[in-house]
Amino acid sequence: VLLERMLNAARGARQKEHLLALANAADMLTRSEDVQPALIELATAVAAVASQDFVTIGVYVPGTQTVSLTAQNRHRFSNLSGEQEWRRLLTTDEGLHAIGTWMRETRQPFVARDAQEDERVPESVRDFARRSLLRSSMSLPLFFGDECLGFMQCSSFTPRDFPPAEIAFMQGIASQVAAALKAMQMYRALAESEAQLRGYAQRLQASMEIQHRLARTDALTGIPNRRYIEEVIEAECARAVRHDTALSIVMLDVDGLKRINDTYGHQAGDDVLVQLAQLARRSCRKGDAVGRLGGDEFLFVLPGSALAAGARFAERFRVRVERHEFPLSKGEAVAMKASLGVAEFTRGTVESAAQFVELADEALYEAKKAGGNRVCARPAARRAA
């Protein structure tokens, strides 16, 4: 009696270990990125819990009875060809397909005391069972709710009957396997959805960045447009007030652009503006900015530069424009000149960015009025007077 109790206790302990392994394998399947090894572990755990020699778990393509994936426990096929033949039968044999359809329609397991002799078993499968020494067999549909996710097939090397209690036990295991498969599908679907959402978010962010950049970029020249350069001036004025630093701006107007348009056409005028923008961009120091206000007017923002430094910058750029040859798309080349007005931001005398730009515009007007191709600077104190 004592020995029997000890054996029962040992069997109970092993069964608990097997059930824990089954739960762990099911949990691993739900979160695994590599499904095949996890499915093999689950089949192996089922074989241990159910005391079966050979267990196959088959997964259907959602909504169909097409087998998309199969996995066996770490079974006792003596060679790879036996495993490959079994997988082929599962995916192509019409008799097995008919059994699968019956299980799907009735939600009942298909039980055979001896798969080698049972005439309900397809001849191809009976022949395979004889060569593999498989005898008793039970196939169960894997249902989650009303959805059939696949099947579980269990076999042993001994012919035997399956009592109702064992069938019910196996159906309980099948329910756990089905729940694990469904959780796996939901986890993978969620991961795919999250990946898609991340992709959508990245594309949306890129699109928004492009739109943001386009909204602040002059379409012709590729440099900042009036909207953006005015934002820069606002920010730099606030910085100059906060840190008590110098700030000047230079407004430029191309001399004689109308003559180029009238003589060579508007495309020639556009060629000049594009090249002038490139010259302007190359002339900026780190921290400087330049933008096109519209037409033939450009504006430089020069943080850290007082009026005299701004005027020197403007003069250097005026000379650079004067010495530059502007090739046109039709093959000609023209010489251009520019007038520039310089203004300095002075705290207490310049009250706003708009007033600051107006000050530079007045200096530019003086340069144009004096004949063009020159630089005029407008001190803030003179504006306040």
Protein backbone atom coordinates (compact mmCIF):
# COMPACT_ATOMS: atom_id res chain seq x y z
CA VAL A 1 0.00 0.00 0.00
CA LEU A 2 2.82 2.39 0.87
CA LEU A 3 4.55 1.68 -2.44
CA GLU A 4 1.30 2.30 -4.32
CA ARG A 5 0.87 5.63 -2.54
CA MET A 6 4.42 6.60 -3.38
CA LEU A 7 3.88 5.70 -7.03
CA ASN A 8 0.64 7.67 -7.15
CA ALA A 9 2.37 10.66 -5.55
CA ALA A 10 5.19 10.43 -8.09
CA ARG A 11 2.71 10.21 -10.94
CA GLY A 12 0.83 13.21 -9.53
CA ALA A 13 4.03 15.23 -9.27
CA ARG A 14 4.99 14.38 -12.86
CA GLN A 15 1.51 15.31 -14.07
CA LYS A 16 1.79 18.68 -12.33
CA GLU A 17 5.16 19.23 -14.00
CA HIS A 18 3.68 18.31 -17.38
CA LEU A 19 0.70 20.63 -16.89
CA LEU A 20 3.03 23.46 -15.89
CA ALA A 21 5.14 22.79 -18.99
CA LEU A 22 1.98 22.90 -21.10
CA ALA A 23 0.96 26.25 -19.61
CA ASN A 24 4.47 27.65 -20.15
CA ALA A 25 4.57 26.39 -23.75
CA ALA A 26 1.16 27.94 -24.46
CA ASP A 27 2.29 31.25 -22.98
CA MET A 28 5.52 31.16 -25.00
CA LEU A 29 3.54 30.58 -28.19
CA THR A 30 1.37 33.65 -27.63
CA ARG A 31 4.40 35.95 -27.43
CA SER A 32 6.85 34.25 -29.78
CA GLU A 33 8.02 35.94 -32.95
CA ASP A 34 9.28 32.59 -34.30
CA VAL A 35 6.14 30.43 -34.25
CA GLN A 36 7.51 27.07 -35.42
CA PRO A 37 9.83 26.31 -32.45
CA ALA A 38 7.16 27.50 -30.01
CA LEU A 39 4.56 25.26 -31.67
CA ILE A 40 6.94 22.29 -31.40
CA GLU A 41 7.34 22.98 -27.67
CA LEU A 42 3.57 23.10 -27.30
CA ALA A 43 3.13 19.78 -29.14
CA THR A 44 5.85 18.24 -26.95
CA ALA A 45 4.12 19.46 -23.80
CA VAL A 46 0.79 18.03 -25.01
CA ALA A 47 2.45 14.66 -25.68
CA ALA A 48 3.79 14.57 -22.13
CA VAL A 49 0.52 15.59 -20.49
CA ALA A 50 -1.60 13.22 -22.60
CA SER A 51 0.90 10.34 -22.51
CA GLN A 52 0.94 10.20 -26.32
CA ASP A 53 3.89 9.12 -28.45
CA PHE A 54 3.18 11.37 -31.40
CA VAL A 55 1.38 14.74 -31.42
CA THR A 56 0.78 17.04 -34.37
CA ILE A 57 -0.69 20.53 -34.17
CA GLY A 58 -1.94 21.95 -37.46
CA VAL A 59 -2.90 25.57 -38.02
CA TYR A 60 -5.37 26.65 -40.71
CA VAL A 61 -5.23 29.74 -42.85
CA PRO A 62 -7.83 31.95 -41.10
CA GLY A 63 -11.32 31.30 -42.43
CA THR A 64 -10.32 28.20 -44.43
CA GLN A 65 -9.41 24.55 -43.95
CA THR A 66 -6.07 25.01 -45.69
CA VAL A 67 -3.20 23.90 -43.47
CA SER A 68 -0.64 26.69 -43.27
CA LEU A 69 1.59 25.38 -40.51
CA THR A 70 2.22 22.05 -38.77
CA ALA A 71 4.44 21.06 -35.88
CA GLN A 72 5.16 17.73 -34.21
CA ASN A 73 6.46 16.98 -30.77
CA ARG A 74 10.07 15.97 -30.56
CA HIS A 75 8.83 12.64 -31.86
CA ARG A 76 10.26 9.23 -32.63
CA PHE A 77 10.41 9.18 -36.38
CA SER A 78 13.66 7.46 -37.22
CA ASN A 79 14.30 9.65 -40.26
CA LEU A 80 13.37 12.94 -41.83
CA SER A 81 11.50 11.32 -44.72
CA GLY A 82 8.80 10.06 -42.34
CA GLU A 83 8.22 13.56 -41.01
CA GLN A 84 8.09 15.01 -44.51
CA GLU A 85 5.62 12.34 -45.66
CA TRP A 86 3.33 13.05 -42.70
CA ARG A 87 3.32 16.76 -43.45
CA ARG A 88 2.52 16.01 -47.08
CA LEU A 89 -0.44 13.84 -46.07
CA LEU A 90 -1.75 16.54 -43.73
CA THR A 91 -1.73 19.15 -46.48
CA THR A 92 -2.75 17.10 -49.53
CA ASP A 93 -4.61 13.91 -48.57
CA GLU A 94 -8.31 14.17 -49.46
CA GLY A 95 -9.31 11.55 -46.89
CA LEU A 96 -7.70 13.50 -44.06
CA HIS A 97 -9.32 16.64 -45.43
CA ALA A 98 -12.71 14.91 -45.23
CA ILE A 99 -12.05 13.93 -41.60
CA GLY A 100 -11.10 17.54 -40.87
CA THR A 101 -14.34 18.74 -42.45
CA TRP A 102 -16.34 16.27 -40.33
CA MET A 103 -14.63 17.45 -37.13
CA ARG A 104 -15.21 21.05 -38.10
CA GLU A 105 -18.90 20.48 -38.76
CA THR A 106 -19.61 18.28 -35.72
CA ARG A 107 -17.03 19.82 -33.32
CA GLN A 108 -16.30 16.23 -32.27
CA PRO A 109 -12.98 14.34 -32.08
CA PHE A 110 -12.19 11.53 -34.51
CA VAL A 111 -11.04 8.48 -32.54
CA ALA A 112 -9.50 5.27 -33.90
CA ARG A 113 -8.54 2.33 -31.67
CA ASP A 114 -6.06 1.17 -34.31
CA ALA A 115 -5.19 3.52 -37.17
CA GLN A 116 -3.57 0.64 -39.05
CA GLU A 117 -6.84 -1.31 -39.30
CA ASP A 118 -9.72 1.20 -38.98
CA GLU A 119 -11.38 1.45 -42.40
CA ARG A 120 -12.58 4.98 -41.65
CA VAL A 121 -8.95 6.02 -41.77
CA PRO A 122 -7.78 6.77 -45.35
CA GLU A 123 -5.70 3.97 -46.88
CA SER A 124 -2.73 6.31 -47.36
CA VAL A 125 -2.77 7.13 -43.64
CA ARG A 126 -3.21 3.45 -42.66
CA ASP A 127 -0.19 2.59 -44.77
CA PHE A 128 1.79 5.38 -43.14
CA ALA A 129 0.71 4.17 -39.68
CA ARG A 130 1.91 0.63 -40.47
CA ARG A 131 5.31 1.86 -41.59
CA SER A 132 5.59 4.20 -38.59
CA LEU A 133 4.23 1.63 -36.10
CA LEU A 134 1.50 4.04 -35.00
CA ARG A 135 -1.70 2.46 -33.66
CA SER A 136 -4.28 4.32 -31.55
CA SER A 137 -5.18 7.78 -32.81
CA MET A 138 -7.31 10.74 -31.75
CA SER A 139 -7.81 13.91 -33.79
CA LEU A 140 -9.48 16.95 -32.24
CA PRO A 141 -10.66 20.22 -33.81
CA LEU A 142 -9.20 23.35 -32.24
CA PHE A 143 -12.12 25.70 -31.73
CA PHE A 144 -12.00 29.15 -30.21
CA GLY A 145 -15.61 30.19 -29.97
CA ASP A 146 -17.10 29.42 -33.38
CA GLU A 147 -13.77 29.68 -35.20
CA CYS A 148 -11.89 26.51 -36.06
CA LEU A 149 -8.21 27.43 -35.90
CA GLY A 150 -6.75 24.03 -36.74
CA PHE A 151 -6.49 20.51 -35.37
CA MET A 152 -4.53 18.41 -32.89
CA GLN A 153 -3.71 14.79 -33.75
CA CYS A 154 -2.40 12.37 -31.10
CA SER A 155 -1.15 8.82 -31.67
CA SER A 156 0.54 6.08 -29.69
CA PHE A 157 2.33 2.86 -30.52
CA THR A 158 -0.28 0.74 -28.75
CA PRO A 159 -3.81 -0.02 -29.98
CA ARG A 160 -6.36 0.92 -27.32
CA ASP A 161 -9.76 2.41 -26.69
CA PHE A 162 -10.23 5.94 -25.40
CA PRO A 163 -12.67 6.08 -22.47
CA PRO A 164 -15.04 9.09 -22.26
CA ALA A 165 -13.07 10.61 -19.38
CA GLU A 166 -9.87 10.60 -21.43
CA ILE A 167 -11.65 12.06 -24.44
CA ALA A 168 -13.02 14.85 -22.23
CA PHE A 169 -9.51 15.40 -20.83
CA MET A 170 -8.08 15.66 -24.35
CA GLN A 171 -10.85 18.08 -25.35
CA GLY A 172 -9.83 20.25 -22.41
CA ILE A 173 -6.23 20.23 -23.62
CA ALA A 174 -7.45 21.06 -27.14
CA SER A 175 -9.28 24.08 -25.72
CA GLN A 176 -6.05 25.30 -24.10
CA VAL A 177 -4.14 24.82 -27.36
CA ALA A 178 -6.86 26.68 -29.30
CA ALA A 179 -6.75 29.55 -26.81
CA ALA A 180 -2.97 29.74 -27.20
CA LEU A 181 -3.27 29.76 -31.01
CA LYS A 182 -5.87 32.52 -30.89
CA ALA A 183 -3.76 34.55 -28.50
CA MET A 184 -0.80 34.07 -30.85
CA GLN A 185 -2.84 35.28 -33.82
CA MET A 186 -4.13 38.28 -31.88
CA TYR A 187 -0.64 39.11 -30.64
CA ARG A 188 0.79 38.93 -34.15
CA ALA A 189 -2.12 40.93 -35.55
CA LEU A 190 -1.59 43.55 -32.87
CA ALA A 191 2.14 43.65 -33.58
CA GLU A 192 1.44 44.04 -37.31
CA SER A 193 -1.11 46.77 -36.59
CA GLU A 194 1.36 48.57 -34.35
CA ALA A 195 4.02 48.28 -37.05
CA GLN A 196 1.56 49.64 -39.62
CA LEU A 197 0.58 52.47 -37.29
CA ARG A 198 4.24 53.30 -36.72
CA GLY A 199 4.72 53.30 -40.48
CA TYR A 200 1.68 55.52 -40.97
CA ALA A 201 2.89 57.85 -38.20
CA GLN A 202 6.37 58.06 -39.72
CA ARG A 203 4.97 58.77 -43.17
CA LEU A 204 2.58 61.34 -41.72
CA GLN A 205 5.42 62.96 -39.79
CA ALA A 206 7.58 63.04 -42.91
CA SER A 207 4.68 64.48 -44.91
CA MET A 208 4.04 67.12 -42.25
CA GLU A 209 7.73 68.02 -42.19
CA ILE A 210 7.74 68.34 -45.97
CA GLN A 211 4.60 70.49 -45.87
CA HIS A 212 6.07 72.56 -43.06
CA ARG A 213 9.25 73.07 -45.04
CA LEU A 214 7.38 73.87 -48.25
CA ALA A 215 5.20 76.38 -46.42
CA ARG A 216 8.37 78.21 -45.41
CA THR A 217 10.35 77.80 -48.62
CA ASP A 218 10.31 79.99 -51.69
CA ALA A 219 9.26 77.79 -54.59
CA LEU A 220 11.54 79.46 -57.15
CA THR A 221 14.81 79.88 -55.27
CA GLY A 222 14.60 77.18 -52.59
CA ILE A 223 15.56 79.59 -49.80
CA PRO A 224 13.21 80.66 -46.97
CA ASN A 225 10.19 82.70 -48.01
CA ARG A 226 8.80 85.88 -46.48
CA ARG A 227 6.72 84.02 -43.89
CA TYR A 228 9.68 82.11 -42.53
CA ILE A 229 12.17 84.97 -42.60
CA GLU A 230 9.71 87.15 -40.66
CA GLU A 231 9.47 84.39 -38.04
CA VAL A 232 13.27 84.39 -37.85
CA ILE A 233 13.34 88.16 -37.35
CA GLU A 234 10.74 87.91 -34.55
CA ALA A 235 12.79 85.22 -32.82
CA GLU A 236 16.10 87.08 -33.22
CA CYS A 237 14.61 90.34 -31.94
CA ALA A 238 13.41 88.52 -28.83
CA ARG A 239 16.85 86.93 -28.43
CA ALA A 240 18.58 90.29 -28.81
CA VAL A 241 16.37 91.78 -26.08
CA ARG A 242 16.84 88.79 -23.78
CA HIS A 243 20.63 88.61 -24.13
CA ASP A 244 21.32 92.28 -24.95
CA THR A 245 23.14 91.36 -28.17
CA ALA A 246 23.53 93.15 -31.50
CA LEU A 247 21.30 92.40 -34.46
CA SER A 248 21.11 93.87 -37.93
CA ILE A 249 19.22 93.07 -41.11
CA VAL A 250 20.01 93.80 -44.75
CA MET A 251 17.33 94.25 -47.37
CA LEU A 252 18.38 93.79 -51.00
CA ASP A 253 16.73 94.79 -54.25
CA VAL A 254 18.06 93.66 -57.63
CA ASP A 255 18.82 96.64 -59.88
CA GLY A 256 17.58 96.38 -63.45
CA LEU A 257 15.73 93.07 -63.25
CA LYS A 258 12.85 94.51 -65.30
CA ARG A 259 15.27 95.21 -68.11
CA ILE A 260 16.40 91.56 -68.06
CA ASN A 261 12.78 90.38 -68.18
CA ASP A 262 11.95 92.72 -71.03
CA THR A 263 15.06 91.82 -73.03
CA TYR A 264 15.46 88.10 -72.45
CA GLY A 265 12.09 87.01 -71.05
CA HIS A 266 10.85 86.16 -67.58
CA GLN A 267 12.75 82.86 -67.52
CA ALA A 268 15.97 84.87 -67.66
CA GLY A 269 14.78 86.94 -64.71
CA ASP A 270 14.07 83.74 -62.80
CA ASP A 271 17.57 82.46 -63.66
CA VAL A 272 19.05 85.61 -62.12
CA LEU A 273 16.96 85.30 -58.94
CA VAL A 274 17.90 81.63 -58.46
CA GLN A 275 21.62 82.37 -58.85
CA LEU A 276 21.38 85.40 -56.59
CA ALA A 277 19.73 83.24 -53.91
CA GLN A 278 22.60 80.75 -54.19
CA LEU A 279 25.14 83.55 -53.81
CA ALA A 280 23.26 84.88 -50.81
CA ARG A 281 23.11 81.49 -49.12
CA ARG A 282 26.85 80.93 -49.63
CA SER A 283 27.60 84.37 -48.20
CA CYS A 284 25.85 83.69 -44.88
CA ARG A 285 27.82 82.80 -41.79
CA LYS A 286 26.68 80.11 -39.37
CA GLY A 287 23.67 81.55 -37.58
CA ASP A 288 22.80 84.01 -40.35
CA ALA A 289 19.67 83.61 -42.44
CA VAL A 290 18.49 84.85 -45.80
CA GLY A 291 15.09 84.72 -47.43
CA ARG A 292 13.22 86.02 -50.43
CA LEU A 293 10.59 88.59 -49.52
CA GLY A 294 9.02 88.43 -52.96
CA GLY A 295 9.74 89.75 -56.45
CA ASP A 296 13.38 90.85 -56.56
CA GLU A 297 13.71 91.61 -52.83
CA PHE A 298 15.78 89.55 -50.40
CA LEU A 299 16.51 89.98 -46.71
CA PHE A 300 19.49 88.88 -44.60
CA VAL A 301 19.26 88.44 -40.82
CA LEU A 302 22.63 88.89 -39.10
CA PRO A 303 22.59 87.99 -35.38
CA GLY A 304 25.52 89.44 -33.43
CA SER A 305 26.20 92.14 -36.03
CA ALA A 306 25.82 95.81 -35.17
CA LEU A 307 25.05 98.43 -37.83
CA ALA A 308 28.67 98.87 -38.98
CA ALA A 309 29.24 95.12 -39.29
CA GLY A 310 25.96 94.76 -41.15
CA ALA A 311 26.99 97.51 -43.55
CA ARG A 312 30.34 95.82 -44.21
CA PHE A 313 28.56 92.54 -44.94
CA ALA A 314 26.20 94.34 -47.31
CA GLU A 315 29.06 96.01 -49.15
CA ARG A 316 30.92 92.72 -49.59
CA PHE A 317 27.82 91.12 -51.01
CA ARG A 318 27.14 94.10 -53.31
CA VAL A 319 30.63 93.72 -54.77
CA ARG A 320 30.15 89.98 -55.13
CA VAL A 321 26.96 90.50 -57.12
CA GLU A 322 28.58 93.14 -59.30
CA ARG A 323 31.50 90.85 -60.15
CA HIS A 324 29.40 87.78 -60.81
CA GLU A 325 28.39 86.69 -64.29
CA PHE A 326 24.84 85.40 -64.38
CA PRO A 327 24.51 82.75 -67.14
CA LEU A 328 21.02 82.40 -68.56
CA SER A 329 19.33 79.20 -69.67
CA LYS A 330 19.44 80.32 -73.33
CA GLY A 331 23.23 80.60 -73.25
CA GLU A 332 23.73 84.32 -72.68
CA ALA A 333 25.33 85.78 -69.56
CA VAL A 334 24.46 89.10 -67.93
CA ALA A 335 25.95 91.35 -65.28
CA MET A 336 23.76 92.51 -62.41
CA LYS A 337 23.88 95.07 -59.63
CA ALA A 338 22.04 95.39 -56.34
CA SER A 339 21.01 98.04 -53.84
CA LEU A 340 21.05 97.23 -50.13
CA GLY A 341 19.60 98.84 -47.02
CA VAL A 342 20.91 98.06 -43.54
CA ALA A 343 19.14 98.54 -40.20
CA GLU A 344 20.14 97.77 -36.61
CA PHE A 345 17.84 96.54 -33.87
CA THR A 346 18.22 98.75 -30.82
CA ARG A 347 16.27 98.02 -27.68
CA GLY A 348 14.02 100.93 -26.74
CA THR A 349 14.04 102.53 -30.17
CA VAL A 350 12.80 99.69 -32.37
CA GLU A 351 9.54 98.42 -30.93
CA SER A 352 8.71 95.50 -33.22
CA ALA A 353 10.01 93.25 -35.96
CA ALA A 354 7.71 94.98 -38.44
CA GLN A 355 9.20 98.37 -37.54
CA PHE A 356 12.68 96.81 -37.85
CA VAL A 357 11.96 95.64 -41.42
CA GLU A 358 10.44 99.01 -42.26
CA LEU A 359 13.66 100.67 -41.13
CA ALA A 360 15.71 98.49 -43.52
CA ASP A 361 13.21 99.20 -46.29
CA GLU A 362 13.70 102.94 -45.82
CA ALA A 363 17.47 102.49 -46.02
CA LEU A 364 17.03 100.48 -49.23
CA TYR A 365 14.82 103.25 -50.63
CA GLU A 366 17.63 105.74 -50.00
CA ALA A 367 20.10 103.48 -51.84
CA LYS A 368 17.78 103.16 -54.83
CA LYS A 369 17.03 106.90 -54.80
CA ALA A 370 20.75 107.65 -54.86
CA GLY A 371 21.19 105.70 -58.09
CA GLY A 372 21.38 102.09 -56.93
CA ASN A 373 24.31 99.72 -56.71
CA ARG A 374 25.16 100.98 -53.25
CA VAL A 375 24.61 100.35 -49.53
CA CYS A 376 22.76 102.69 -47.19
CA ALA A 377 22.54 102.13 -43.43
CA ARG A 378 19.75 103.49 -41.23
CA PRO A 379 20.58 103.83 -37.52
CA ALA A 380 17.69 103.11 -35.17
CA ALA A 381 18.21 106.39 -33.34
CA ARG A 382 17.60 108.28 -36.54
CA ARG A 383 14.32 106.39 -36.99
CA ALA A 384 13.25 107.26 -33.45
CA ALA A 385 13.93 110.92 -34.10
